[in-house]
Structure formats: C-alpha cells, structure tokens
Amino acid sequence: MPTRRDFLIAAAATGTAALLRPVSDSFAAVSQPTTPVNFKVPPGACDCHVHIFGDPQRFPFAPTRTYTPETATVDDLRNVQRALHLDRVVIIQASVYGTDNSCTLDAIKQLGPRARGIAVIDEKTSSVELDRMNRSGIRGVRINLGTAGQDDPAFARDRLQKTLRQIGGRPWHIQMYVGLPVIAAIEKQLTVATVPIVFDHFGGAKAALGVQQPGMASLLRLLQTEKAYVKISGAYRASTAAPDYQDATALAKVFVAANPERVLWGSDWPHPDTAAGREPTEISPLLPIDDGRVLNLLATWVPNVAKRKMILVDSPAKLYGF
C-alpha cells in the first residue's frame, strides 16, 4: 500500500491533478506523541507554534519554497492536542506556502475559537486583506529568514521596518525566525518597535554554545525590558542532544530567569525537516519527534507551577487574544 510520502513524491514529480487528490487515512500517520505527559497541564494551555500542511490540490505549495513537506492535517493536530492535554493552539504560516495564507486560515476556521494564527505577507498584501485576516483569527505576521539561511542584518532591518509600517494600527505582533547575531545587530530597531516582537525557536540560539554565546545578551535585554518574547520551541533546532536535549535546559532557564512573562512554549509540530541537502521539490519527511517527551521537558526547564502556567496559559492568552 502506498504511503503518504509515496503520494507526495508522485505529486511533486508530476504536478498532475489526478495525483493531487486528498490524502486518505490509509497513508502513513503523522508523528503522534508516544510518551504520556507526566505533569498536570493547566486548563487553557496553548501550543504557540504548529504548522498545517494540507491537501496540495487545495493548498498548492509556492514555487519558491525551499523544501516540500509531507501532509499534516487539522485532524492530525487535534489528536496531538488531545494527547498533550492542550486546549489552544497557534498555527504558524509555513514558508512552503509563501504569502498564500489559505491553508492557515482554513485550519483556524476548522478549529474555531481555540485557534489563532500568524500570517506571512509582502508588500502586495492590501490593508483590506490584513483586516480580513484579523477578523479570521490572525494575530501577527512572521518574518522567516532562518529557513532560507538569510543572515544579513540590513535585510532583516529593512523587512522589520516595512512590516511595522504595513501592519500599523492593528493589535498584532511580529514573529521573527532569525539567529542571535541578527538580533544583536538590529537590537536598536527592535527596542523602539511599536508592536511586540516574538522570536522563534530559542531565539536562534545554539545550545552547544551555552548562555554566553554572541547575541544572547541582546535577546535577554529585550526580554527584560518587555520589548520581546521568546519561544522555547523546536528544541531539536537548538540542540542535537536528542531525545531529551539536556543542553537546551540552560537556555530555557536563562530565558525564564530573565522574564517568565515573556516566554512562550511551542512544539513546532509536525516537525518539518527544513535542512538543506534536498531539491526543493523532493519530499522532506517530517521528523519523528515524540511531543509527549518534549512537553515533559518543560516541567524540568520550569519546575515552578505558577511560572509554567504563565508560559502555557497567561502569556499566550494576552498575546494572541484568546
């Protein structure tokens, strides 16, 4: 029987509508948690970083994408949320869709009030479209430079300023996937930003380099002065010490020590493999991360129950408007 991956390989190779029919339950399942959660997850807890990869016939990938993921549907996400005892979720527009936010908006609609989203826009995105997305549950826009390996501070600074002007007047924030050196280089602009800034995936820090690595001081200042948030998400992007990513513990703890009200948690489900080495149209299998085991790390990183609730419930409710 063909797998989900076989299906997408054929679709990517041929591009024919016949092959782009909806994925059925007979295809291989997206990675689901296998380790039970070992601490009490508070009501209203939120996963602040997931992606949805839908039926490619309804939601075509952008020709400019840097990778081609396997599918991961809203129903798959519901199963993960139940297993992790999570009530809320923030869907992040995946780079493979470019500025076509249809898949993200459709997922928010299916999930209802428990979901919010982060969009990707460009200079062609109109104010009318921004307002429509706001009504549909979008609460910010993402500047994703990390996936493409873009590390030019001047480019990041320009994108930041243009995006700030474009979304002005809306109750949104800007989410950035960049490395610590870029954060340090544009710290001045981040400090005077008129909306909150959220940094993905440990702020681009590398666990092996420790808490004194270049750029970390800038990120900590932004947290302490309440100019930014950081997501302790995608631990496998910060650390290679799977499956418990013990060297990421120091990073998580230093962020919480700086300002627990400015720390968010996210799984990065369904764990797209964005690493270079494949052709953009070649199927990139989703990484087999055990999200139950990873969520359990939060109890180690943040043993204080009140602070954990702040990270899982209170801060997301405030930032995303739940």
C-alpha atoms as a PDB file:
ATOM      1  CA  MET A   1       0.000   0.000   0.000  1.00  0.00           C
ATOM      2  CA  PRO A   2       1.393   3.473  -0.845  1.00  0.00           C
ATOM      3  CA  THR A   3       2.480   5.697   1.964  1.00  0.00           C
ATOM      4  CA  ARG A   4       1.793   9.400   2.420  1.00  0.00           C
ATOM      5  CA  ARG A   5       5.370  10.031   1.286  1.00  0.00           C
ATOM      6  CA  ASP A   6       4.903   7.956  -1.901  1.00  0.00           C
ATOM      7  CA  PHE A   7       1.827  10.015  -2.692  1.00  0.00           C
ATOM      8  CA  LEU A   8       3.625  13.330  -2.284  1.00  0.00           C
ATOM      9  CA  ILE A   9       6.671  12.200  -4.256  1.00  0.00           C
ATOM     10  CA  ALA A  10       4.417  11.387  -7.189  1.00  0.00           C
ATOM     11  CA  ALA A  11       2.555  14.654  -6.809  1.00  0.00           C
ATOM     12  CA  ALA A  12       5.715  16.725  -6.633  1.00  0.00           C
ATOM     13  CA  ALA A  13       7.249  14.935  -9.589  1.00  0.00           C
ATOM     14  CA  THR A  14       4.300  15.120 -11.969  1.00  0.00           C
ATOM     15  CA  GLY A  15       2.167  18.014 -10.756  1.00  0.00           C
ATOM     16  CA  THR A  16      -0.941  16.350 -12.218  1.00  0.00           C
ATOM     17  CA  ALA A  17      -4.358  16.895 -10.685  1.00  0.00           C
ATOM     18  CA  ALA A  18      -5.041  13.191 -10.731  1.00  0.00           C
ATOM     19  CA  LEU A  19      -2.276  12.602  -8.218  1.00  0.00           C
ATOM     20  CA  LEU A  20      -3.235  15.569  -6.058  1.00  0.00           C
ATOM     21  CA  ARG A  21      -6.367  14.035  -4.586  1.00  0.00           C
ATOM     22  CA  PRO A  22      -6.920  14.311  -0.812  1.00  0.00           C
ATOM     23  CA  VAL A  23      -4.752  12.159   1.398  1.00  0.00           C
ATOM     24  CA  SER A  24      -6.738   9.294   2.871  1.00  0.00           C
ATOM     25  CA  ASP A  25      -6.486   7.598   6.220  1.00  0.00           C
ATOM     26  CA  SER A  26      -4.642   4.742   4.526  1.00  0.00           C
ATOM     27  CA  PHE A  27      -1.464   6.807   4.287  1.00  0.00           C
ATOM     28  CA  ALA A  28       1.199   6.759   6.981  1.00  0.00           C
ATOM     29  CA  ALA A  29       0.236   8.732  10.065  1.00  0.00           C
ATOM     30  CA  VAL A  30       1.949  11.917  11.086  1.00  0.00           C
ATOM     31  CA  SER A  31       4.117  11.541  14.185  1.00  0.00           C
ATOM     32  CA  GLN A  32       1.972  11.412  17.333  1.00  0.00           C
ATOM     33  CA  PRO A  33       3.089  11.571  20.985  1.00  0.00           C
ATOM     34  CA  THR A  34       4.064   8.195  22.421  1.00  0.00           C
ATOM     35  CA  THR A  35       5.164   9.336  25.896  1.00  0.00           C
ATOM     36  CA  PRO A  36       2.358  10.307  28.316  1.00  0.00           C
ATOM     37  CA  VAL A  37       2.532  13.792  29.790  1.00  0.00           C
ATOM     38  CA  ASN A  38       3.841  13.444  33.344  1.00  0.00           C
ATOM     39  CA  PHE A  39       2.706  16.753  34.876  1.00  0.00           C
ATOM     40  CA  LYS A  40      -0.652  18.478  35.258  1.00  0.00           C
ATOM     41  CA  VAL A  41      -1.208  20.676  32.236  1.00  0.00           C
ATOM     42  CA  PRO A  42      -3.283  23.700  33.304  1.00  0.00           C
ATOM     43  CA  PRO A  43      -6.631  24.416  31.618  1.00  0.00           C
ATOM     44  CA  GLY A  44      -6.278  26.781  28.697  1.00  0.00           C
ATOM     45  CA  ALA A  45      -2.724  25.678  27.895  1.00  0.00           C
ATOM     46  CA  CYS A  46      -1.534  26.702  24.428  1.00  0.00           C
ATOM     47  CA  ASP A  47       0.880  25.288  21.903  1.00  0.00           C
ATOM     48  CA  CYS A  48       2.190  28.521  20.384  1.00  0.00           C
ATOM     49  CA  HIS A  49       3.918  27.039  17.338  1.00  0.00           C
ATOM     50  CA  VAL A  50       2.483  24.463  14.950  1.00  0.00           C
ATOM     51  CA  HIS A  51       2.087  24.196  11.184  1.00  0.00           C
ATOM     52  CA  ILE A  52      -0.544  22.643   8.957  1.00  0.00           C
ATOM     53  CA  PHE A  53       0.356  21.071   5.612  1.00  0.00           C
ATOM     54  CA  GLY A  54      -2.887  20.365   3.791  1.00  0.00           C
ATOM     55  CA  ASP A  55      -4.049  18.636   0.643  1.00  0.00           C
ATOM     56  CA  PRO A  56      -1.745  20.060  -2.077  1.00  0.00           C
ATOM     57  CA  GLN A  57      -4.624  20.245  -4.542  1.00  0.00           C
ATOM     58  CA  ARG A  58      -6.491  22.722  -2.309  1.00  0.00           C
ATOM     59  CA  PHE A  59      -3.379  24.426  -0.976  1.00  0.00           C
ATOM     60  CA  PRO A  60      -0.554  24.360  -3.561  1.00  0.00           C
ATOM     61  CA  PHE A  61       2.995  24.912  -2.412  1.00  0.00           C
ATOM     62  CA  ALA A  62       4.802  28.052  -3.553  1.00  0.00           C
ATOM     63  CA  PRO A  63       7.236  27.530  -6.434  1.00  0.00           C
ATOM     64  CA  THR A  64       9.848  29.462  -4.419  1.00  0.00           C
ATOM     65  CA  ARG A  65       9.731  27.068  -1.433  1.00  0.00           C
ATOM     66  CA  THR A  66      12.965  25.626  -0.076  1.00  0.00           C
ATOM     67  CA  TYR A  67      11.502  22.220   0.873  1.00  0.00           C
ATOM     68  CA  THR A  68       8.395  20.076   0.267  1.00  0.00           C
ATOM     69  CA  PRO A  69       6.817  18.578   3.410  1.00  0.00           C
ATOM     70  CA  GLU A  70       4.604  15.589   3.916  1.00  0.00           C
ATOM     71  CA  THR A  71       0.999  16.357   4.830  1.00  0.00           C
ATOM     72  CA  ALA A  72      -0.160  17.143   8.363  1.00  0.00           C
ATOM     73  CA  THR A  73      -3.852  17.864   8.720  1.00  0.00           C
ATOM     74  CA  VAL A  74      -6.138  19.562  11.217  1.00  0.00           C
ATOM     75  CA  ASP A  75      -7.395  16.151  12.356  1.00  0.00           C
ATOM     76  CA  ASP A  76      -3.792  15.079  12.976  1.00  0.00           C
ATOM     77  CA  LEU A  77      -3.323  18.214  15.059  1.00  0.00           C
ATOM     78  CA  ARG A  78      -6.485  17.540  17.070  1.00  0.00           C
ATOM     79  CA  ASN A  79      -5.087  14.126  18.005  1.00  0.00           C
ATOM     80  CA  VAL A  80      -1.816  15.665  19.169  1.00  0.00           C
ATOM     81  CA  GLN A  81      -3.621  18.299  21.228  1.00  0.00           C
ATOM     82  CA  ARG A  82      -5.737  15.655  22.959  1.00  0.00           C
ATOM     83  CA  ALA A  83      -2.677  13.553  23.779  1.00  0.00           C
ATOM     84  CA  LEU A  84      -0.860  16.571  25.238  1.00  0.00           C
ATOM     85  CA  HIS A  85      -3.917  17.896  27.145  1.00  0.00           C
ATOM     86  CA  LEU A  86      -3.691  21.249  25.350  1.00  0.00           C
ATOM     87  CA  ASP A  87      -6.733  23.452  24.769  1.00  0.00           C
ATOM     88  CA  ARG A  88      -5.402  26.185  22.485  1.00  0.00           C
ATOM     89  CA  VAL A  89      -3.095  26.439  19.508  1.00  0.00           C
ATOM     90  CA  VAL A  90      -1.365  29.000  17.316  1.00  0.00           C
ATOM     91  CA  ILE A  91      -0.916  27.989  13.685  1.00  0.00           C
ATOM     92  CA  ILE A  92       2.133  29.494  12.037  1.00  0.00           C
ATOM     93  CA  GLN A  93       2.032  30.053   8.291  1.00  0.00           C
ATOM     94  CA  ALA A  94       4.585  27.665   6.818  1.00  0.00           C
ATOM     95  CA  SER A  95       7.189  29.069   4.445  1.00  0.00           C
ATOM     96  CA  VAL A  96       6.247  26.494   1.784  1.00  0.00           C
ATOM     97  CA  TYR A  97       3.024  28.449   1.114  1.00  0.00           C
ATOM     98  CA  GLY A  98       4.689  31.822   0.628  1.00  0.00           C
ATOM     99  CA  THR A  99       2.165  34.615   1.187  1.00  0.00           C
ATOM    100  CA  ASP A 100      -0.873  32.478   0.361  1.00  0.00           C
ATOM    101  CA  ASN A 101      -2.315  32.068   3.859  1.00  0.00           C
ATOM    102  CA  SER A 102      -5.315  29.976   2.753  1.00  0.00           C
ATOM    103  CA  CYS A 103      -4.201  26.768   4.472  1.00  0.00           C
ATOM    104  CA  THR A 104      -3.573  28.545   7.775  1.00  0.00           C
ATOM    105  CA  LEU A 105      -6.889  30.421   7.630  1.00  0.00           C
ATOM    106  CA  ASP A 106      -8.778  27.232   6.783  1.00  0.00           C
ATOM    107  CA  ALA A 107      -7.230  25.468   9.787  1.00  0.00           C
ATOM    108  CA  ILE A 108      -8.192  28.310  12.126  1.00  0.00           C
ATOM    109  CA  LYS A 109     -11.757  28.173  10.792  1.00  0.00           C
ATOM    110  CA  GLN A 110     -11.951  24.412  11.385  1.00  0.00           C
ATOM    111  CA  LEU A 111     -10.626  24.704  14.936  1.00  0.00           C
ATOM    112  CA  GLY A 112     -12.739  27.713  15.915  1.00  0.00           C
ATOM    113  CA  PRO A 113     -12.140  29.911  18.984  1.00  0.00           C
ATOM    114  CA  ARG A 114      -9.371  27.686  20.334  1.00  0.00           C
ATOM    115  CA  ALA A 115      -7.063  28.681  17.452  1.00  0.00           C
ATOM    116  CA  ARG A 116      -5.167  31.762  16.329  1.00  0.00           C
ATOM    117  CA  GLY A 117      -2.702  32.238  13.500  1.00  0.00           C
ATOM    118  CA  ILE A 118       0.402  34.036  12.308  1.00  0.00           C
ATOM    119  CA  ALA A 119       0.462  35.032   8.637  1.00  0.00           C
ATOM    120  CA  VAL A 120       3.157  35.765   6.081  1.00  0.00           C
ATOM    121  CA  ILE A 121       2.701  38.887   3.961  1.00  0.00           C
ATOM    122  CA  ASP A 122       4.582  41.002   1.434  1.00  0.00           C
ATOM    123  CA  GLU A 123       4.251  44.497   0.047  1.00  0.00           C
ATOM    124  CA  LYS A 124       1.400  43.381  -2.208  1.00  0.00           C
ATOM    125  CA  THR A 125      -0.805  42.359   0.738  1.00  0.00           C
ATOM    126  CA  SER A 126      -3.537  45.002   0.954  1.00  0.00           C
ATOM    127  CA  SER A 127      -4.999  46.645   4.039  1.00  0.00           C
ATOM    128  CA  VAL A 128      -8.323  45.066   3.152  1.00  0.00           C
ATOM    129  CA  GLU A 129      -6.714  41.623   3.228  1.00  0.00           C
ATOM    130  CA  LEU A 130      -4.962  42.372   6.529  1.00  0.00           C
ATOM    131  CA  ASP A 131      -8.282  43.395   8.072  1.00  0.00           C
ATOM    132  CA  ARG A 132      -9.941  40.238   6.747  1.00  0.00           C
ATOM    133  CA  MET A 133      -7.199  38.119   8.273  1.00  0.00           C
ATOM    134  CA  ASN A 134      -7.574  39.937  11.587  1.00  0.00           C
ATOM    135  CA  ARG A 135     -11.275  39.032  11.649  1.00  0.00           C
ATOM    136  CA  SER A 136     -10.319  35.429  10.822  1.00  0.00           C
ATOM    137  CA  GLY A 137      -8.021  34.997  13.828  1.00  0.00           C
ATOM    138  CA  ILE A 138      -4.627  36.174  12.583  1.00  0.00           C
ATOM    139  CA  ARG A 139      -2.718  37.955  15.349  1.00  0.00           C
ATOM    140  CA  GLY A 140       0.632  38.689  13.771  1.00  0.00           C
ATOM    141  CA  VAL A 141       2.972  38.220  10.834  1.00  0.00           C
ATOM    142  CA  ARG A 142       6.124  36.176  10.542  1.00  0.00           C
ATOM    143  CA  ILE A 143       9.447  37.271   9.117  1.00  0.00           C
ATOM    144  CA  ASN A 144      11.170  33.966   8.413  1.00  0.00           C
ATOM    145  CA  LEU A 145      14.808  34.430   7.499  1.00  0.00           C
ATOM    146  CA  GLY A 146      16.087  31.316   9.250  1.00  0.00           C
ATOM    147  CA  THR A 147      14.621  28.720   6.886  1.00  0.00           C
ATOM    148  CA  ALA A 148      16.304  30.334   3.888  1.00  0.00           C
ATOM    149  CA  GLY A 149      19.554  30.912   5.774  1.00  0.00           C
ATOM    150  CA  GLN A 150      19.283  34.696   5.367  1.00  0.00           C
ATOM    151  CA  ASP A 151      21.521  36.318   7.973  1.00  0.00           C
ATOM    152  CA  ASP A 152      22.090  39.826   6.592  1.00  0.00           C
ATOM    153  CA  PRO A 153      21.210  42.337   9.340  1.00  0.00           C
ATOM    154  CA  ALA A 154      20.493  45.077   6.790  1.00  0.00           C
ATOM    155  CA  PHE A 155      17.950  42.850   5.074  1.00  0.00           C
ATOM    156  CA  ALA A 156      16.349  41.939   8.419  1.00  0.00           C
ATOM    157  CA  ARG A 157      16.231  45.594   9.466  1.00  0.00           C
ATOM    158  CA  ASP A 158      14.553  46.602   6.204  1.00  0.00           C
ATOM    159  CA  ARG A 159      11.971  43.810   6.439  1.00  0.00           C
ATOM    160  CA  LEU A 160      11.211  44.741  10.039  1.00  0.00           C
ATOM    161  CA  GLN A 161      10.646  48.430   9.259  1.00  0.00           C
ATOM    162  CA  LYS A 162       8.465  47.727   6.221  1.00  0.00           C
ATOM    163  CA  THR A 163       6.361  45.202   8.138  1.00  0.00           C
ATOM    164  CA  LEU A 164       5.903  47.564  11.079  1.00  0.00           C
ATOM    165  CA  ARG A 165       4.550  50.235   8.742  1.00  0.00           C
ATOM    166  CA  GLN A 166       2.300  47.781   6.932  1.00  0.00           C
ATOM    167  CA  ILE A 167       0.566  46.316   9.990  1.00  0.00           C
ATOM    168  CA  GLY A 168       0.369  49.573  11.941  1.00  0.00           C
ATOM    169  CA  GLY A 169      -2.858  50.180  13.838  1.00  0.00           C
ATOM    170  CA  ARG A 170      -3.714  46.511  14.286  1.00  0.00           C
ATOM    171  CA  PRO A 171      -3.459  44.519  17.549  1.00  0.00           C
ATOM    172  CA  TRP A 172      -0.760  42.319  16.058  1.00  0.00           C
ATOM    173  CA  HIS A 173       2.858  41.438  16.684  1.00  0.00           C
ATOM    174  CA  ILE A 174       5.827  40.470  14.533  1.00  0.00           C
ATOM    175  CA  GLN A 175       7.299  36.995  14.842  1.00  0.00           C
ATOM    176  CA  MET A 176      10.877  36.580  13.650  1.00  0.00           C
ATOM    177  CA  TYR A 177      12.882  33.462  12.880  1.00  0.00           C
ATOM    178  CA  VAL A 178      16.450  34.761  12.858  1.00  0.00           C
ATOM    179  CA  GLY A 179      19.761  33.976  14.507  1.00  0.00           C
ATOM    180  CA  LEU A 180      21.175  35.646  17.601  1.00  0.00           C
ATOM    181  CA  PRO A 181      23.775  37.663  15.635  1.00  0.00           C
ATOM    182  CA  VAL A 182      20.967  39.258  13.629  1.00  0.00           C
ATOM    183  CA  ILE A 183      19.032  40.062  16.830  1.00  0.00           C
ATOM    184  CA  ALA A 184      22.131  41.749  18.245  1.00  0.00           C
ATOM    185  CA  ALA A 185      22.735  43.737  15.052  1.00  0.00           C
ATOM    186  CA  ILE A 186      19.188  45.146  14.954  1.00  0.00           C
ATOM    187  CA  GLU A 187      18.634  45.455  18.714  1.00  0.00           C
ATOM    188  CA  LYS A 188      18.148  49.226  18.493  1.00  0.00           C
ATOM    189  CA  GLN A 189      15.343  48.883  15.952  1.00  0.00           C
ATOM    190  CA  LEU A 190      13.733  46.087  17.965  1.00  0.00           C
ATOM    191  CA  THR A 191      13.819  48.207  21.110  1.00  0.00           C
ATOM    192  CA  VAL A 192      11.795  51.009  19.503  1.00  0.00           C
ATOM    193  CA  ALA A 193       9.362  48.732  17.619  1.00  0.00           C
ATOM    194  CA  THR A 194       5.728  49.770  18.057  1.00  0.00           C
ATOM    195  CA  VAL A 195       4.442  46.193  18.432  1.00  0.00           C
ATOM    196  CA  PRO A 196       5.698  43.180  20.405  1.00  0.00           C
ATOM    197  CA  ILE A 197       8.399  41.065  18.776  1.00  0.00           C
ATOM    198  CA  VAL A 198       8.354  37.274  19.183  1.00  0.00           C
ATOM    199  CA  PHE A 199      11.435  35.181  18.448  1.00  0.00           C
ATOM    200  CA  ASP A 200      11.004  31.570  17.331  1.00  0.00           C
ATOM    201  CA  HIS A 201      12.928  28.512  18.457  1.00  0.00           C
ATOM    202  CA  PHE A 202      15.056  29.708  21.393  1.00  0.00           C
ATOM    203  CA  GLY A 203      15.795  32.925  19.530  1.00  0.00           C
ATOM    204  CA  GLY A 204      18.038  31.028  17.156  1.00  0.00           C
ATOM    205  CA  ALA A 205      20.435  30.171  19.998  1.00  0.00           C
ATOM    206  CA  LYS A 206      22.556  27.029  19.771  1.00  0.00           C
ATOM    207  CA  ALA A 207      22.578  25.024  22.993  1.00  0.00           C
ATOM    208  CA  ALA A 208      26.120  23.759  22.483  1.00  0.00           C
ATOM    209  CA  LEU A 209      27.406  27.360  22.636  1.00  0.00           C
ATOM    210  CA  GLY A 210      25.939  27.999  26.093  1.00  0.00           C
ATOM    211  CA  VAL A 211      24.269  31.045  27.577  1.00  0.00           C
ATOM    212  CA  GLN A 212      27.199  33.394  26.907  1.00  0.00           C
ATOM    213  CA  GLN A 213      27.114  32.963  23.133  1.00  0.00           C
ATOM    214  CA  PRO A 214      27.238  36.100  20.955  1.00  0.00           C
ATOM    215  CA  GLY A 215      23.878  37.837  20.735  1.00  0.00           C
ATOM    216  CA  MET A 216      22.394  36.266  23.850  1.00  0.00           C
ATOM    217  CA  ALA A 217      22.844  39.443  25.900  1.00  0.00           C
ATOM    218  CA  SER A 218      20.767  41.388  23.365  1.00  0.00           C
ATOM    219  CA  LEU A 219      17.942  38.881  23.491  1.00  0.00           C
ATOM    220  CA  LEU A 220      17.931  38.845  27.289  1.00  0.00           C
ATOM    221  CA  ARG A 221      17.784  42.657  27.395  1.00  0.00           C
ATOM    222  CA  LEU A 222      14.789  42.607  25.057  1.00  0.00           C
ATOM    223  CA  LEU A 223      13.035  40.122  27.350  1.00  0.00           C
ATOM    224  CA  GLN A 224      13.874  42.045  30.500  1.00  0.00           C
ATOM    225  CA  THR A 225      12.621  45.347  29.089  1.00  0.00           C
ATOM    226  CA  GLU A 226       9.453  43.627  27.795  1.00  0.00           C
ATOM    227  CA  LYS A 227      10.203  44.514  24.180  1.00  0.00           C
ATOM    228  CA  ALA A 228      10.118  40.882  23.063  1.00  0.00           C
ATOM    229  CA  TYR A 229       9.012  37.317  23.708  1.00  0.00           C
ATOM    230  CA  VAL A 230      10.971  34.140  23.035  1.00  0.00           C
ATOM    231  CA  LYS A 231       9.507  30.735  22.232  1.00  0.00           C
ATOM    232  CA  ILE A 232      11.152  27.726  23.828  1.00  0.00           C
ATOM    233  CA  SER A 233      10.027  25.729  20.812  1.00  0.00           C
ATOM    234  CA  GLY A 234      11.627  23.276  18.435  1.00  0.00           C
ATOM    235  CA  ALA A 235      14.285  22.116  20.911  1.00  0.00           C
ATOM    236  CA  TYR A 236      15.761  19.911  18.185  1.00  0.00           C
ATOM    237  CA  ARG A 237      16.574  23.089  16.255  1.00  0.00           C
ATOM    238  CA  ALA A 238      18.631  24.447  19.158  1.00  0.00           C
ATOM    239  CA  SER A 239      20.164  21.137  20.265  1.00  0.00           C
ATOM    240  CA  THR A 240      21.451  17.930  18.688  1.00  0.00           C
ATOM    241  CA  ALA A 241      21.342  16.055  22.022  1.00  0.00           C
ATOM    242  CA  ALA A 242      18.172  14.070  21.302  1.00  0.00           C
ATOM    243  CA  PRO A 243      15.889  12.858  22.716  1.00  0.00           C
ATOM    244  CA  ASP A 244      15.993  14.987  25.889  1.00  0.00           C
ATOM    245  CA  TYR A 245      18.054  17.935  24.605  1.00  0.00           C
ATOM    246  CA  GLN A 246      19.667  18.364  28.001  1.00  0.00           C
ATOM    247  CA  ASP A 247      21.960  21.155  26.804  1.00  0.00           C
ATOM    248  CA  ALA A 248      18.866  23.221  25.920  1.00  0.00           C
ATOM    249  CA  THR A 249      17.911  23.287  29.607  1.00  0.00           C
ATOM    250  CA  ALA A 250      20.361  26.095  30.351  1.00  0.00           C
ATOM    251  CA  LEU A 251      18.913  28.199  27.541  1.00  0.00           C
ATOM    252  CA  ALA A 252      15.328  27.718  28.702  1.00  0.00           C
ATOM    253  CA  LYS A 253      16.250  28.515  32.288  1.00  0.00           C
ATOM    254  CA  VAL A 254      18.113  31.704  31.417  1.00  0.00           C
ATOM    255  CA  PHE A 255      15.111  32.964  29.431  1.00  0.00           C
ATOM    256  CA  VAL A 256      12.732  32.233  32.306  1.00  0.00           C
ATOM    257  CA  ALA A 257      15.101  33.886  34.769  1.00  0.00           C
ATOM    258  CA  ALA A 258      15.208  36.992  32.581  1.00  0.00           C
ATOM    259  CA  ASN A 259      11.414  37.347  32.426  1.00  0.00           C
ATOM    260  CA  PRO A 260       8.979  34.403  32.693  1.00  0.00           C
ATOM    261  CA  GLU A 261       6.144  36.606  31.421  1.00  0.00           C
ATOM    262  CA  ARG A 262       7.940  36.868  28.087  1.00  0.00           C
ATOM    263  CA  VAL A 263       8.476  33.160  27.459  1.00  0.00           C
ATOM    264  CA  LEU A 264       6.140  31.022  25.331  1.00  0.00           C
ATOM    265  CA  TRP A 265       6.120  27.282  24.634  1.00  0.00           C
ATOM    266  CA  GLY A 266       5.609  25.602  21.281  1.00  0.00           C
ATOM    267  CA  SER A 267       6.035  22.117  19.902  1.00  0.00           C
ATOM    268  CA  ASP A 268       6.891  23.008  16.270  1.00  0.00           C
ATOM    269  CA  TRP A 269       4.624  20.095  15.278  1.00  0.00           C
ATOM    270  CA  PRO A 270       4.628  18.383  12.786  1.00  0.00           C
ATOM    271  CA  HIS A 271       8.383  18.985  12.752  1.00  0.00           C
ATOM    272  CA  PRO A 272       9.246  19.787   9.140  1.00  0.00           C
ATOM    273  CA  ASP A 273      12.788  18.988   8.136  1.00  0.00           C
ATOM    274  CA  THR A 274      13.954  22.253   6.566  1.00  0.00           C
ATOM    275  CA  ALA A 275      17.639  21.336   6.414  1.00  0.00           C
ATOM    276  CA  ALA A 276      19.467  21.879   3.157  1.00  0.00           C
ATOM    277  CA  GLY A 277      20.587  18.919   1.070  1.00  0.00           C
ATOM    278  CA  ARG A 278      17.471  18.140  -0.958  1.00  0.00           C
ATOM    279  CA  GLU A 279      15.996  19.655  -4.061  1.00  0.00           C
ATOM    280  CA  PRO A 280      13.086  21.962  -3.093  1.00  0.00           C
ATOM    281  CA  THR A 281      10.589  19.656  -4.815  1.00  0.00           C
ATOM    282  CA  GLU A 282      11.974  16.495  -3.196  1.00  0.00           C
ATOM    283  CA  ILE A 283       9.805  15.241  -0.342  1.00  0.00           C
ATOM    284  CA  SER A 284      11.279  16.085   3.040  1.00  0.00           C
ATOM    285  CA  PRO A 285       9.931  13.565   5.577  1.00  0.00           C
ATOM    286  CA  LEU A 286       8.583  15.009   8.804  1.00  0.00           C
ATOM    287  CA  LEU A 287      10.895  14.417  11.758  1.00  0.00           C
ATOM    288  CA  PRO A 288       9.750  11.684  14.204  1.00  0.00           C
ATOM    289  CA  ILE A 289       9.712  13.805  17.362  1.00  0.00           C
ATOM    290  CA  ASP A 290       7.911  12.480  20.462  1.00  0.00           C
ATOM    291  CA  ASP A 291       5.962  15.564  21.555  1.00  0.00           C
ATOM    292  CA  GLY A 292       4.913  13.988  24.852  1.00  0.00           C
ATOM    293  CA  ARG A 293       8.527  13.534  25.839  1.00  0.00           C
ATOM    294  CA  VAL A 294       9.382  17.070  24.724  1.00  0.00           C
ATOM    295  CA  LEU A 295       6.462  18.632  26.628  1.00  0.00           C
ATOM    296  CA  ASN A 296       7.637  16.790  29.739  1.00  0.00           C
ATOM    297  CA  LEU A 297      10.917  18.698  29.443  1.00  0.00           C
ATOM    298  CA  LEU A 298       9.008  21.869  30.281  1.00  0.00           C
ATOM    299  CA  ALA A 299       8.485  20.607  33.827  1.00  0.00           C
ATOM    300  CA  THR A 300      12.278  20.284  34.103  1.00  0.00           C
ATOM    301  CA  TRP A 301      13.002  23.613  32.487  1.00  0.00           C
ATOM    302  CA  VAL A 302      10.309  25.389  34.550  1.00  0.00           C
ATOM    303  CA  PRO A 303       9.678  23.449  37.790  1.00  0.00           C
ATOM    304  CA  ASN A 304       7.660  26.314  39.309  1.00  0.00           C
ATOM    305  CA  VAL A 305       3.963  25.591  38.656  1.00  0.00           C
ATOM    306  CA  ALA A 306       2.904  29.259  38.630  1.00  0.00           C
ATOM    307  CA  LYS A 307       5.569  30.182  36.093  1.00  0.00           C
ATOM    308  CA  ARG A 308       4.631  27.182  33.943  1.00  0.00           C
ATOM    309  CA  LYS A 309       1.025  28.367  33.924  1.00  0.00           C
ATOM    310  CA  MET A 310       2.212  31.819  32.909  1.00  0.00           C
ATOM    311  CA  ILE A 311       4.091  30.324  29.963  1.00  0.00           C
ATOM    312  CA  LEU A 312       1.385  27.894  28.870  1.00  0.00           C
ATOM    313  CA  VAL A 313      -1.774  29.910  29.598  1.00  0.00           C
ATOM    314  CA  ASP A 314      -1.492  33.524  30.717  1.00  0.00           C
ATOM    315  CA  SER A 315       1.051  34.967  28.297  1.00  0.00           C
ATOM    316  CA  PRO A 316      -0.442  33.270  25.206  1.00  0.00           C
ATOM    317  CA  ALA A 317      -3.934  34.438  26.211  1.00  0.00           C
ATOM    318  CA  LYS A 318      -2.657  38.009  26.405  1.00  0.00           C
ATOM    319  CA  LEU A 319      -0.535  37.982  23.257  1.00  0.00           C
ATOM    320  CA  TYR A 320      -2.919  36.106  20.956  1.00  0.00           C
ATOM    321  CA  GLY A 321      -6.204  37.401  22.383  1.00  0.00           C
ATOM    322  CA  PHE A 322      -7.789  34.150  23.495  1.00  0.00           C
END
